[in-house]
Every structure is written in structure tokens, then in C-alpha cells.
Amino acid sequence: MHWLTCPIAAPALPATWLIATGASPANLAERSALRRETARTIIAAQLGLPVEAIAIGHDERGRPLLAQPVGTGLYLSLATRAGFVALALAPHPVGVDIERLEPLATPPLAVLHPQERTALLTLHELARPLAFAELWAAKEAYVKALGTGFARAPESFSVTLTAQGVFSISDPERPGANLGMSRVTENGGQESLAAAVVVLS
């Protein structure tokens, strides 16, 4: 998996772009437009096409898809948070998410799998907000890759974080190795953001 912070072509796929746009979208429509235009620029660079040749649509569940050009066999996922846009592009179903660290908030443990709750509670209180942001980004990336969104209950599967920026997902509905990658970045030095990506093979 390649992580890129500029809207340039990746050396290979799958890849995830985490772009600081400097924008401050005020509502859902502005966030959607920011995601879409940033993604079109990146995909155009990746495919060696003009931006005008790229169109992003949605499937029946609302998951973004590459509507033009057709026949690329590529899957994409998008996320926006605090002026950052994340795009994941892969030859298999993929999900990406970004979450803002909320250092003063108490993590909502009730929405987590029991193993995740136990893991959070073993951490020092000051470490929990970042761990929760990483967990939640991983969980949302996973359900995006599945194509279900949170129609799939977040407590029905468990994410285990590691110190190497890799996480594993234990899902009784999808046995086997389900792995993802995470990254923490600073937004202009003012706040931390946790990003996660999952590619399902």
C-alpha cells in the first residue's frame, strides 16, 4: 500500500492519497464537491487522462464508483474531514476513512466490540481518544470496503491495532485474514487525524 500526500500518480496500486486541501467546507454539499473534485484530479493523474475524462458515480448503496472511463476494473473510496480528502484506489473493493482526534471527549465505548472496549480501557486515559479515532477510522474503512456502511453493526466485528500502523479485523461473517493500514497525521499542527484503509482481496 502506498500513502501519498500530493495529488500525483502512485507508483502502483493499491494506493491511498491523504491530501490537505486547506479548504473549510461548511456543509455536506461542499464536502461532497471537495471530495469529488480532488478525487477526479488524482484519478486523472493516475490514469494519464484529462480531468474532464473522469466521472465519479455511485452504486445502489451509495458507494462511489468510477463511472468514466469504464472498464478500468478499479474500486475507489472517499472520505473528507477537517479540510483533508482521502482517496483509496485499488483493483479490489476498498474503504478509506479519516477521523478527527477529540482529546476532550469520552470515547463512546457502547458502540464498540467487547474486545475493543477492553483494549481501550487498558490504555491510559489520555491515550484513549487517539486509539478510539484509529479504531473508528478502521471500522468505517472496513464497512465501506464491504459496501454495507454502518448498516453493519459496528460492534459485530473487532479491530485490533498494532504499533506498526497495521490493524487486523476479526469478523465472524468473513473469516480469514482481514488486514488494513492506518496513519496519524497533523492538520496544520493544530489537531491530529487518524486515517485508515482496508482492501478486500
N, C-alpha and C. Protein backbone atom coordinates (compact mmCIF):
# COMPACT_ATOMS: atom_id res chain seq x y z
N MET A 1 0.85 -1.19 0.00
CA MET A 1 0.00 0.00 0.00
C MET A 1 0.88 1.24 0.00
N HIS A 2 0.62 2.13 -0.92
CA HIS A 2 1.35 3.40 -0.97
C HIS A 2 0.47 4.49 -0.37
N TRP A 3 1.06 5.33 0.51
CA TRP A 3 0.40 6.52 1.03
C TRP A 3 1.03 7.73 0.34
N LEU A 4 0.22 8.60 -0.22
CA LEU A 4 0.73 9.80 -0.88
C LEU A 4 0.04 11.03 -0.30
N THR A 5 0.77 12.13 -0.24
CA THR A 5 0.21 13.36 0.30
C THR A 5 0.14 14.47 -0.75
N CYS A 6 0.41 14.13 -2.01
CA CYS A 6 0.27 15.06 -3.13
C CYS A 6 -0.60 14.40 -4.20
N PRO A 7 -1.36 15.18 -4.96
CA PRO A 7 -2.25 14.59 -5.97
C PRO A 7 -1.50 14.18 -7.24
N ILE A 8 -0.57 13.24 -7.07
CA ILE A 8 0.24 12.74 -8.18
C ILE A 8 -0.03 11.25 -8.34
N ALA A 9 0.45 10.68 -9.44
CA ALA A 9 0.25 9.25 -9.68
C ALA A 9 1.06 8.42 -8.69
N ALA A 10 0.45 7.33 -8.23
CA ALA A 10 1.15 6.39 -7.37
C ALA A 10 2.00 5.45 -8.22
N PRO A 11 3.10 4.94 -7.67
CA PRO A 11 3.92 4.00 -8.45
C PRO A 11 3.22 2.68 -8.71
N ALA A 12 2.26 2.33 -7.89
CA ALA A 12 1.50 1.09 -8.07
C ALA A 12 0.23 1.19 -7.23
N LEU A 13 -0.73 0.33 -7.54
CA LEU A 13 -1.97 0.25 -6.77
C LEU A 13 -2.00 -1.09 -6.04
N PRO A 14 -2.63 -1.14 -4.85
CA PRO A 14 -3.47 -0.10 -4.23
C PRO A 14 -2.65 1.05 -3.67
N ALA A 15 -3.33 2.19 -3.59
CA ALA A 15 -2.71 3.39 -3.04
C ALA A 15 -3.77 4.23 -2.35
N THR A 16 -3.31 5.01 -1.39
CA THR A 16 -4.20 5.94 -0.68
C THR A 16 -3.56 7.31 -0.67
N TRP A 17 -4.35 8.29 -1.07
CA TRP A 17 -3.91 9.68 -1.03
C TRP A 17 -4.57 10.36 0.15
N LEU A 18 -3.80 11.11 0.91
CA LEU A 18 -4.29 11.87 2.05
C LEU A 18 -3.86 13.32 1.81
N ILE A 19 -4.81 14.12 1.29
CA ILE A 19 -4.48 15.44 0.76
C ILE A 19 -5.03 16.54 1.68
N ALA A 20 -4.13 17.41 2.13
CA ALA A 20 -4.55 18.59 2.89
C ALA A 20 -4.92 19.68 1.88
N THR A 21 -6.21 19.95 1.76
CA THR A 21 -6.67 20.89 0.73
C THR A 21 -6.62 22.34 1.18
N GLY A 22 -6.61 22.56 2.50
CA GLY A 22 -6.69 23.94 3.00
C GLY A 22 -8.09 24.51 2.96
N ALA A 23 -9.04 23.74 2.44
CA ALA A 23 -10.43 24.21 2.35
C ALA A 23 -11.14 24.01 3.68
N SER A 24 -12.22 24.76 3.87
CA SER A 24 -13.06 24.63 5.06
C SER A 24 -14.51 24.49 4.62
N PRO A 25 -14.89 23.32 4.08
CA PRO A 25 -16.27 23.16 3.61
C PRO A 25 -17.26 23.34 4.75
N ALA A 26 -18.33 24.09 4.47
CA ALA A 26 -19.28 24.48 5.52
C ALA A 26 -20.43 23.51 5.67
N ASN A 27 -20.66 22.65 4.67
CA ASN A 27 -21.81 21.76 4.74
C ASN A 27 -21.55 20.49 3.92
N LEU A 28 -22.52 19.60 3.93
CA LEU A 28 -22.37 18.32 3.25
C LEU A 28 -22.14 18.49 1.75
N ALA A 29 -22.85 19.42 1.12
CA ALA A 29 -22.69 19.63 -0.32
C ALA A 29 -21.28 20.10 -0.65
N GLU A 30 -20.73 21.00 0.16
CA GLU A 30 -19.38 21.49 -0.09
C GLU A 30 -18.34 20.40 0.16
N ARG A 31 -18.56 19.56 1.19
CA ARG A 31 -17.63 18.44 1.44
C ARG A 31 -17.67 17.45 0.28
N SER A 32 -18.86 17.18 -0.22
CA SER A 32 -19.00 16.26 -1.34
C SER A 32 -18.30 16.79 -2.58
N ALA A 33 -18.47 18.08 -2.86
CA ALA A 33 -17.82 18.68 -4.03
C ALA A 33 -16.30 18.65 -3.88
N LEU A 34 -15.81 18.93 -2.68
CA LEU A 34 -14.37 18.90 -2.43
C LEU A 34 -13.81 17.50 -2.65
N ARG A 35 -14.50 16.49 -2.10
CA ARG A 35 -14.08 15.09 -2.29
C ARG A 35 -14.02 14.74 -3.77
N ARG A 36 -15.10 15.06 -4.46
CA ARG A 36 -15.24 14.66 -5.87
C ARG A 36 -14.17 15.31 -6.75
N GLU A 37 -13.96 16.63 -6.59
CA GLU A 37 -13.01 17.32 -7.45
C GLU A 37 -11.57 16.91 -7.14
N THR A 38 -11.26 16.71 -5.86
CA THR A 38 -9.92 16.25 -5.51
C THR A 38 -9.69 14.85 -6.07
N ALA A 39 -10.69 13.98 -5.94
CA ALA A 39 -10.57 12.61 -6.46
C ALA A 39 -10.41 12.60 -7.97
N ARG A 40 -11.16 13.42 -8.67
CA ARG A 40 -11.05 13.45 -10.13
C ARG A 40 -9.64 13.87 -10.57
N THR A 41 -9.07 14.85 -9.86
CA THR A 41 -7.71 15.30 -10.18
C THR A 41 -6.70 14.16 -9.99
N ILE A 42 -6.84 13.44 -8.87
CA ILE A 42 -5.90 12.36 -8.57
C ILE A 42 -6.06 11.20 -9.56
N ILE A 43 -7.30 10.81 -9.82
CA ILE A 43 -7.53 9.68 -10.72
C ILE A 43 -7.06 10.02 -12.14
N ALA A 44 -7.27 11.25 -12.55
CA ALA A 44 -6.79 11.68 -13.87
C ALA A 44 -5.27 11.53 -13.95
N ALA A 45 -4.57 11.96 -12.89
CA ALA A 45 -3.11 11.81 -12.87
C ALA A 45 -2.71 10.34 -12.91
N GLN A 46 -3.43 9.50 -12.15
CA GLN A 46 -3.10 8.08 -12.09
C GLN A 46 -3.31 7.40 -13.44
N LEU A 47 -4.35 7.77 -14.15
CA LEU A 47 -4.67 7.12 -15.42
C LEU A 47 -4.08 7.84 -16.63
N GLY A 48 -3.44 8.97 -16.41
CA GLY A 48 -2.86 9.72 -17.51
C GLY A 48 -3.91 10.30 -18.44
N LEU A 49 -5.01 10.78 -17.86
CA LEU A 49 -6.12 11.32 -18.63
C LEU A 49 -6.41 12.75 -18.19
N PRO A 50 -7.10 13.54 -19.03
CA PRO A 50 -7.54 14.86 -18.56
C PRO A 50 -8.62 14.72 -17.50
N VAL A 51 -8.70 15.69 -16.61
CA VAL A 51 -9.71 15.64 -15.54
C VAL A 51 -11.11 15.50 -16.12
N GLU A 52 -11.36 16.11 -17.27
CA GLU A 52 -12.69 16.08 -17.88
C GLU A 52 -13.11 14.66 -18.27
N ALA A 53 -12.15 13.75 -18.39
CA ALA A 53 -12.47 12.37 -18.77
C ALA A 53 -12.88 11.51 -17.58
N ILE A 54 -12.80 12.08 -16.37
CA ILE A 54 -13.09 11.32 -15.15
C ILE A 54 -14.46 11.70 -14.61
N ALA A 55 -15.30 10.70 -14.38
CA ALA A 55 -16.61 10.93 -13.75
C ALA A 55 -16.77 9.92 -12.61
N ILE A 56 -17.25 10.42 -11.49
CA ILE A 56 -17.49 9.57 -10.32
C ILE A 56 -18.99 9.46 -10.10
N GLY A 57 -19.47 8.24 -10.02
CA GLY A 57 -20.88 7.99 -9.75
C GLY A 57 -21.03 7.24 -8.44
N HIS A 58 -22.19 6.62 -8.23
CA HIS A 58 -22.45 5.85 -7.02
C HIS A 58 -23.24 4.61 -7.39
N ASP A 59 -23.00 3.51 -6.64
CA ASP A 59 -23.81 2.32 -6.85
C ASP A 59 -25.11 2.44 -6.08
N GLU A 60 -25.91 1.37 -6.08
CA GLU A 60 -27.25 1.44 -5.46
C GLU A 60 -27.19 1.64 -3.95
N ARG A 61 -26.05 1.32 -3.34
CA ARG A 61 -25.90 1.51 -1.89
C ARG A 61 -25.26 2.85 -1.55
N GLY A 62 -24.90 3.61 -2.57
CA GLY A 62 -24.28 4.91 -2.34
C GLY A 62 -22.76 4.89 -2.34
N ARG A 63 -22.16 3.72 -2.58
CA ARG A 63 -20.71 3.63 -2.61
C ARG A 63 -20.18 4.28 -3.89
N PRO A 64 -19.13 5.14 -3.80
CA PRO A 64 -18.63 5.78 -5.02
C PRO A 64 -18.01 4.77 -5.97
N LEU A 65 -18.13 5.07 -7.26
CA LEU A 65 -17.52 4.21 -8.28
C LEU A 65 -17.02 5.07 -9.42
N LEU A 66 -16.10 4.51 -10.17
CA LEU A 66 -15.54 5.21 -11.31
C LEU A 66 -16.47 4.98 -12.50
N ALA A 67 -17.29 6.00 -12.80
CA ALA A 67 -18.26 5.88 -13.89
C ALA A 67 -17.62 6.10 -15.25
N GLN A 68 -16.62 6.97 -15.32
CA GLN A 68 -15.87 7.21 -16.55
C GLN A 68 -14.40 7.38 -16.19
N PRO A 69 -13.49 6.76 -16.90
CA PRO A 69 -13.73 5.83 -18.01
C PRO A 69 -14.21 4.48 -17.50
N VAL A 70 -14.91 3.77 -18.34
CA VAL A 70 -15.43 2.46 -17.97
C VAL A 70 -14.36 1.39 -18.22
N GLY A 71 -14.53 0.26 -17.53
CA GLY A 71 -13.68 -0.89 -17.80
C GLY A 71 -12.30 -0.86 -17.18
N THR A 72 -12.06 0.02 -16.20
CA THR A 72 -10.73 0.06 -15.58
C THR A 72 -10.54 -1.07 -14.57
N GLY A 73 -11.66 -1.60 -14.04
CA GLY A 73 -11.57 -2.62 -13.00
C GLY A 73 -11.13 -2.08 -11.66
N LEU A 74 -11.17 -0.76 -11.49
CA LEU A 74 -10.70 -0.15 -10.25
C LEU A 74 -11.87 0.17 -9.32
N TYR A 75 -11.60 0.01 -8.03
CA TYR A 75 -12.54 0.39 -6.98
C TYR A 75 -11.99 1.64 -6.29
N LEU A 76 -12.89 2.48 -5.79
CA LEU A 76 -12.43 3.65 -5.07
C LEU A 76 -13.27 3.88 -3.83
N SER A 77 -12.68 4.62 -2.91
CA SER A 77 -13.37 5.03 -1.69
C SER A 77 -12.90 6.43 -1.35
N LEU A 78 -13.79 7.22 -0.75
CA LEU A 78 -13.50 8.63 -0.47
C LEU A 78 -13.88 8.98 0.97
N ALA A 79 -13.17 9.95 1.53
CA ALA A 79 -13.52 10.47 2.85
C ALA A 79 -13.04 11.91 2.93
N THR A 80 -13.71 12.71 3.77
CA THR A 80 -13.34 14.11 3.99
C THR A 80 -13.44 14.41 5.47
N ARG A 81 -12.45 15.12 5.99
CA ARG A 81 -12.51 15.55 7.38
C ARG A 81 -11.54 16.71 7.57
N ALA A 82 -12.02 17.79 8.15
CA ALA A 82 -11.17 18.93 8.55
C ALA A 82 -10.31 19.43 7.40
N GLY A 83 -10.88 19.50 6.20
CA GLY A 83 -10.14 20.00 5.04
C GLY A 83 -9.25 18.98 4.36
N PHE A 84 -9.16 17.78 4.91
CA PHE A 84 -8.41 16.70 4.27
C PHE A 84 -9.36 15.88 3.41
N VAL A 85 -8.85 15.42 2.27
CA VAL A 85 -9.57 14.46 1.44
C VAL A 85 -8.72 13.20 1.36
N ALA A 86 -9.34 12.06 1.58
CA ALA A 86 -8.68 10.77 1.40
C ALA A 86 -9.33 10.06 0.22
N LEU A 87 -8.49 9.50 -0.62
CA LEU A 87 -8.94 8.68 -1.75
C LEU A 87 -8.15 7.39 -1.71
N ALA A 88 -8.84 6.26 -1.76
CA ALA A 88 -8.18 4.97 -1.93
C ALA A 88 -8.59 4.40 -3.27
N LEU A 89 -7.63 3.87 -4.00
CA LEU A 89 -7.84 3.31 -5.33
C LEU A 89 -7.17 1.95 -5.37
N ALA A 90 -7.92 0.93 -5.80
CA ALA A 90 -7.40 -0.43 -5.75
C ALA A 90 -8.10 -1.31 -6.78
N PRO A 91 -7.47 -2.44 -7.14
CA PRO A 91 -8.12 -3.38 -8.05
C PRO A 91 -9.10 -4.32 -7.34
N HIS A 92 -9.31 -4.11 -6.05
CA HIS A 92 -10.26 -4.89 -5.24
C HIS A 92 -11.09 -3.93 -4.41
N PRO A 93 -12.22 -4.38 -3.86
CA PRO A 93 -13.02 -3.49 -3.01
C PRO A 93 -12.17 -2.85 -1.91
N VAL A 94 -12.38 -1.56 -1.70
CA VAL A 94 -11.52 -0.80 -0.80
C VAL A 94 -12.36 0.19 -0.01
N GLY A 95 -11.91 0.50 1.19
CA GLY A 95 -12.57 1.51 2.01
C GLY A 95 -11.52 2.38 2.68
N VAL A 96 -11.81 3.68 2.78
CA VAL A 96 -10.91 4.60 3.46
C VAL A 96 -11.74 5.52 4.35
N ASP A 97 -11.15 5.94 5.46
CA ASP A 97 -11.84 6.87 6.35
C ASP A 97 -10.82 7.75 7.05
N ILE A 98 -11.28 8.91 7.49
CA ILE A 98 -10.48 9.84 8.30
C ILE A 98 -11.33 10.24 9.50
N GLU A 99 -10.72 10.22 10.67
CA GLU A 99 -11.41 10.66 11.89
C GLU A 99 -10.57 11.70 12.61
N ARG A 100 -11.23 12.68 13.18
CA ARG A 100 -10.56 13.71 13.96
C ARG A 100 -10.37 13.23 15.39
N LEU A 101 -9.21 13.48 15.94
CA LEU A 101 -8.96 13.19 17.34
C LEU A 101 -9.71 14.20 18.19
N GLU A 102 -10.50 13.71 19.14
CA GLU A 102 -11.25 14.58 20.06
C GLU A 102 -10.69 14.37 21.47
N PRO A 103 -9.62 15.09 21.84
CA PRO A 103 -8.92 14.79 23.09
C PRO A 103 -9.74 15.00 24.35
N LEU A 104 -10.77 15.84 24.30
CA LEU A 104 -11.56 16.12 25.50
C LEU A 104 -12.83 15.28 25.57
N ALA A 105 -13.10 14.50 24.54
CA ALA A 105 -14.33 13.70 24.51
C ALA A 105 -14.09 12.33 25.14
N THR A 106 -15.13 11.83 25.77
CA THR A 106 -15.08 10.47 26.30
C THR A 106 -15.49 9.52 25.18
N PRO A 107 -14.62 8.57 24.82
CA PRO A 107 -14.96 7.65 23.72
C PRO A 107 -16.26 6.90 24.00
N PRO A 108 -17.16 6.81 23.02
CA PRO A 108 -18.43 6.10 23.21
C PRO A 108 -18.23 4.58 23.14
N LEU A 109 -17.87 4.01 24.27
CA LEU A 109 -17.50 2.59 24.32
C LEU A 109 -18.63 1.66 23.92
N ALA A 110 -19.87 2.09 24.10
CA ALA A 110 -21.01 1.20 23.84
C ALA A 110 -21.10 0.79 22.37
N VAL A 111 -20.52 1.57 21.45
CA VAL A 111 -20.63 1.23 20.02
C VAL A 111 -19.52 0.29 19.57
N LEU A 112 -18.65 -0.10 20.51
CA LEU A 112 -17.51 -0.94 20.16
C LEU A 112 -17.76 -2.41 20.48
N HIS A 113 -17.01 -3.26 19.83
CA HIS A 113 -16.99 -4.68 20.14
C HIS A 113 -16.39 -4.85 21.55
N PRO A 114 -16.82 -5.85 22.33
CA PRO A 114 -16.28 -6.03 23.68
C PRO A 114 -14.76 -6.09 23.74
N GLN A 115 -14.11 -6.73 22.77
CA GLN A 115 -12.64 -6.79 22.77
C GLN A 115 -12.03 -5.40 22.58
N GLU A 116 -12.67 -4.58 21.76
CA GLU A 116 -12.17 -3.22 21.56
C GLU A 116 -12.34 -2.39 22.82
N ARG A 117 -13.47 -2.55 23.50
CA ARG A 117 -13.69 -1.83 24.76
C ARG A 117 -12.62 -2.19 25.78
N THR A 118 -12.34 -3.49 25.90
CA THR A 118 -11.33 -3.95 26.85
C THR A 118 -9.97 -3.36 26.52
N ALA A 119 -9.62 -3.36 25.22
CA ALA A 119 -8.32 -2.82 24.81
C ALA A 119 -8.22 -1.33 25.13
N LEU A 120 -9.29 -0.58 24.89
CA LEU A 120 -9.26 0.86 25.19
C LEU A 120 -9.12 1.11 26.69
N LEU A 121 -9.83 0.34 27.48
CA LEU A 121 -9.83 0.56 28.92
C LEU A 121 -8.50 0.19 29.57
N THR A 122 -7.67 -0.60 28.87
CA THR A 122 -6.34 -0.91 29.41
C THR A 122 -5.36 0.23 29.17
N LEU A 123 -5.71 1.16 28.30
CA LEU A 123 -4.83 2.29 27.99
C LEU A 123 -4.97 3.39 29.03
N HIS A 124 -3.93 4.21 29.15
CA HIS A 124 -4.03 5.40 29.98
C HIS A 124 -5.14 6.28 29.42
N GLU A 125 -5.83 6.96 30.29
CA GLU A 125 -6.97 7.79 29.88
C GLU A 125 -6.62 8.79 28.79
N LEU A 126 -5.41 9.35 28.84
CA LEU A 126 -5.00 10.34 27.85
C LEU A 126 -4.74 9.72 26.48
N ALA A 127 -4.48 8.41 26.44
CA ALA A 127 -4.21 7.73 25.17
C ALA A 127 -5.48 7.23 24.48
N ARG A 128 -6.58 7.22 25.20
CA ARG A 128 -7.81 6.63 24.65
C ARG A 128 -8.40 7.40 23.47
N PRO A 129 -8.44 8.74 23.48
CA PRO A 129 -9.05 9.44 22.34
C PRO A 129 -8.38 9.11 21.00
N LEU A 130 -7.05 9.06 20.96
CA LEU A 130 -6.36 8.72 19.72
C LEU A 130 -6.64 7.28 19.32
N ALA A 131 -6.58 6.37 20.29
CA ALA A 131 -6.85 4.97 19.98
C ALA A 131 -8.27 4.79 19.46
N PHE A 132 -9.23 5.53 20.06
CA PHE A 132 -10.60 5.44 19.57
C PHE A 132 -10.71 5.96 18.14
N ALA A 133 -10.06 7.09 17.85
CA ALA A 133 -10.10 7.65 16.48
C ALA A 133 -9.52 6.64 15.49
N GLU A 134 -8.43 5.98 15.86
CA GLU A 134 -7.83 4.98 14.98
C GLU A 134 -8.76 3.78 14.80
N LEU A 135 -9.36 3.33 15.90
CA LEU A 135 -10.31 2.21 15.82
C LEU A 135 -11.49 2.55 14.93
N TRP A 136 -12.06 3.73 15.14
CA TRP A 136 -13.27 4.09 14.41
C TRP A 136 -12.97 4.29 12.92
N ALA A 137 -11.83 4.89 12.61
CA ALA A 137 -11.44 5.03 11.21
C ALA A 137 -11.29 3.65 10.56
N ALA A 138 -10.70 2.71 11.29
CA ALA A 138 -10.53 1.36 10.76
C ALA A 138 -11.88 0.68 10.56
N LYS A 139 -12.78 0.84 11.51
CA LYS A 139 -14.09 0.21 11.40
C LYS A 139 -14.88 0.79 10.23
N GLU A 140 -14.81 2.11 10.08
CA GLU A 140 -15.56 2.72 8.98
C GLU A 140 -14.95 2.36 7.63
N ALA A 141 -13.62 2.30 7.56
CA ALA A 141 -12.97 1.88 6.31
C ALA A 141 -13.40 0.46 5.94
N TYR A 142 -13.50 -0.40 6.93
CA TYR A 142 -13.89 -1.79 6.67
C TYR A 142 -15.31 -1.90 6.13
N VAL A 143 -16.27 -1.21 6.76
CA VAL A 143 -17.65 -1.33 6.27
C VAL A 143 -17.82 -0.64 4.92
N LYS A 144 -16.99 0.36 4.64
CA LYS A 144 -17.01 0.95 3.29
C LYS A 144 -16.51 -0.07 2.27
N ALA A 145 -15.44 -0.78 2.61
CA ALA A 145 -14.92 -1.80 1.69
C ALA A 145 -15.95 -2.90 1.46
N LEU A 146 -16.67 -3.27 2.51
CA LEU A 146 -17.73 -4.27 2.38
C LEU A 146 -18.88 -3.77 1.52
N GLY A 147 -19.06 -2.44 1.49
CA GLY A 147 -20.18 -1.86 0.75
C GLY A 147 -21.45 -1.77 1.56
N THR A 148 -21.36 -2.05 2.86
CA THR A 148 -22.56 -2.02 3.71
C THR A 148 -22.72 -0.70 4.45
N GLY A 149 -21.61 0.02 4.66
CA GLY A 149 -21.66 1.13 5.59
C GLY A 149 -22.07 0.59 6.96
N PHE A 150 -22.54 1.49 7.82
CA PHE A 150 -22.92 1.04 9.15
C PHE A 150 -24.33 0.49 9.23
N ALA A 151 -24.84 0.00 8.07
CA ALA A 151 -25.96 -0.93 8.15
C ALA A 151 -25.45 -2.19 8.85
N ARG A 152 -24.14 -2.40 8.78
CA ARG A 152 -23.47 -3.46 9.54
C ARG A 152 -23.14 -2.89 10.92
N ALA A 153 -23.62 -3.53 11.97
CA ALA A 153 -23.43 -3.01 13.32
C ALA A 153 -21.95 -2.92 13.66
N PRO A 154 -21.47 -1.77 14.16
CA PRO A 154 -20.04 -1.62 14.42
C PRO A 154 -19.51 -2.56 15.50
N GLU A 155 -20.39 -3.00 16.40
CA GLU A 155 -19.93 -3.92 17.46
C GLU A 155 -19.93 -5.38 17.01
N SER A 156 -20.31 -5.65 15.75
CA SER A 156 -20.40 -7.04 15.28
C SER A 156 -19.07 -7.59 14.78
N PHE A 157 -18.03 -6.75 14.73
CA PHE A 157 -16.70 -7.22 14.35
C PHE A 157 -15.69 -6.43 15.16
N SER A 158 -14.47 -6.94 15.24
CA SER A 158 -13.48 -6.36 16.13
C SER A 158 -12.21 -5.96 15.38
N VAL A 159 -11.70 -4.78 15.68
CA VAL A 159 -10.44 -4.30 15.12
C VAL A 159 -9.37 -4.35 16.21
N THR A 160 -8.20 -4.86 15.85
CA THR A 160 -7.05 -4.87 16.75
C THR A 160 -5.95 -4.02 16.14
N LEU A 161 -5.55 -2.96 16.84
CA LEU A 161 -4.49 -2.07 16.37
C LEU A 161 -3.13 -2.63 16.75
N THR A 162 -2.12 -2.35 15.92
CA THR A 162 -0.74 -2.69 16.27
C THR A 162 0.07 -1.41 16.23
N ALA A 163 1.28 -1.49 16.71
CA ALA A 163 2.13 -0.31 16.77
C ALA A 163 2.78 0.01 15.43
N GLN A 164 2.63 -0.86 14.45
CA GLN A 164 3.30 -0.67 13.17
C GLN A 164 2.40 -0.07 12.10
N GLY A 165 1.26 0.50 12.49
CA GLY A 165 0.37 1.08 11.50
C GLY A 165 -0.42 0.06 10.73
N VAL A 166 -0.52 -1.14 11.26
CA VAL A 166 -1.31 -2.20 10.65
C VAL A 166 -2.37 -2.61 11.66
N PHE A 167 -3.57 -2.93 11.17
CA PHE A 167 -4.60 -3.45 12.06
C PHE A 167 -5.22 -4.68 11.44
N SER A 168 -5.76 -5.52 12.30
CA SER A 168 -6.45 -6.72 11.83
C SER A 168 -7.92 -6.62 12.23
N ILE A 169 -8.75 -7.30 11.44
CA ILE A 169 -10.20 -7.28 11.66
C ILE A 169 -10.66 -8.71 11.84
N SER A 170 -11.31 -8.95 12.96
CA SER A 170 -11.90 -10.25 13.22
C SER A 170 -13.40 -10.14 12.98
N ASP A 171 -13.88 -10.85 11.95
CA ASP A 171 -15.27 -10.74 11.53
C ASP A 171 -15.85 -12.14 11.36
N PRO A 172 -16.82 -12.51 12.21
CA PRO A 172 -17.40 -13.85 12.08
C PRO A 172 -18.10 -14.08 10.75
N GLU A 173 -18.49 -13.01 10.07
CA GLU A 173 -19.15 -13.15 8.77
C GLU A 173 -18.15 -13.22 7.61
N ARG A 174 -16.87 -12.97 7.91
CA ARG A 174 -15.85 -13.00 6.87
C ARG A 174 -14.57 -13.56 7.47
N PRO A 175 -14.53 -14.87 7.70
CA PRO A 175 -13.34 -15.47 8.34
C PRO A 175 -12.10 -15.31 7.48
N GLY A 176 -10.97 -15.40 8.13
CA GLY A 176 -9.71 -15.28 7.40
C GLY A 176 -9.00 -14.00 7.75
N ALA A 177 -7.93 -13.74 7.01
CA ALA A 177 -7.09 -12.57 7.28
C ALA A 177 -7.70 -11.32 6.67
N ASN A 178 -8.19 -10.43 7.51
CA ASN A 178 -8.69 -9.12 7.08
C ASN A 178 -7.77 -8.08 7.70
N LEU A 179 -6.94 -7.46 6.87
CA LEU A 179 -5.95 -6.52 7.38
C LEU A 179 -6.16 -5.14 6.78
N GLY A 180 -5.68 -4.13 7.48
CA GLY A 180 -5.73 -2.77 6.99
C GLY A 180 -4.52 -2.00 7.47
N MET A 181 -4.40 -0.77 6.98
CA MET A 181 -3.29 0.09 7.37
C MET A 181 -3.83 1.41 7.90
N SER A 182 -3.13 1.96 8.89
CA SER A 182 -3.57 3.22 9.48
C SER A 182 -2.42 4.21 9.53
N ARG A 183 -2.79 5.45 9.72
CA ARG A 183 -1.80 6.52 9.73
C ARG A 183 -2.38 7.67 10.54
N VAL A 184 -1.54 8.34 11.30
CA VAL A 184 -1.96 9.53 12.04
C VAL A 184 -1.22 10.72 11.45
N THR A 185 -1.94 11.79 11.19
CA THR A 185 -1.33 12.98 10.59
C THR A 185 -1.79 14.22 11.33
N GLU A 186 -1.00 15.27 11.23
CA GLU A 186 -1.34 16.54 11.86
C GLU A 186 -2.00 17.46 10.84
N ASN A 187 -3.05 18.13 11.26
CA ASN A 187 -3.75 19.09 10.41
C ASN A 187 -3.24 20.48 10.73
N GLY A 188 -2.20 20.90 10.01
CA GLY A 188 -1.64 22.23 10.25
C GLY A 188 -1.08 22.40 11.64
N GLY A 189 -0.70 21.30 12.29
CA GLY A 189 -0.15 21.36 13.63
C GLY A 189 -1.16 21.65 14.71
N GLN A 190 -2.45 21.70 14.35
CA GLN A 190 -3.47 22.09 15.32
C GLN A 190 -4.25 20.91 15.90
N GLU A 191 -4.39 19.84 15.12
CA GLU A 191 -5.12 18.68 15.62
C GLU A 191 -4.65 17.45 14.88
N SER A 192 -4.90 16.31 15.49
CA SER A 192 -4.49 15.05 14.88
C SER A 192 -5.68 14.40 14.19
N LEU A 193 -5.38 13.74 13.07
CA LEU A 193 -6.36 12.99 12.32
C LEU A 193 -5.86 11.57 12.16
N ALA A 194 -6.77 10.62 12.30
CA ALA A 194 -6.44 9.22 12.08
C ALA A 194 -7.07 8.76 10.77
N ALA A 195 -6.27 8.19 9.90
CA ALA A 195 -6.76 7.68 8.62
C ALA A 195 -6.55 6.18 8.58
N ALA A 196 -7.45 5.48 7.89
CA ALA A 196 -7.34 4.02 7.78
C ALA A 196 -7.83 3.59 6.41
N VAL A 197 -7.25 2.50 5.91
CA VAL A 197 -7.65 1.95 4.63
C VAL A 197 -7.69 0.43 4.73
N VAL A 198 -8.69 -0.17 4.08
CA VAL A 198 -8.85 -1.62 4.01
C VAL A 198 -9.07 -2.00 2.57
N VAL A 199 -8.31 -2.98 2.08
CA VAL A 199 -8.52 -3.55 0.76
C VAL A 199 -8.91 -5.01 0.94
N LEU A 200 -10.05 -5.40 0.37
CA LEU A 200 -10.53 -6.78 0.49
C LEU A 200 -10.13 -7.56 -0.76
N SER A 201 -9.39 -8.63 -0.56
CA SER A 201 -8.97 -9.44 -1.71
C SER A 201 -9.84 -10.68 -1.81
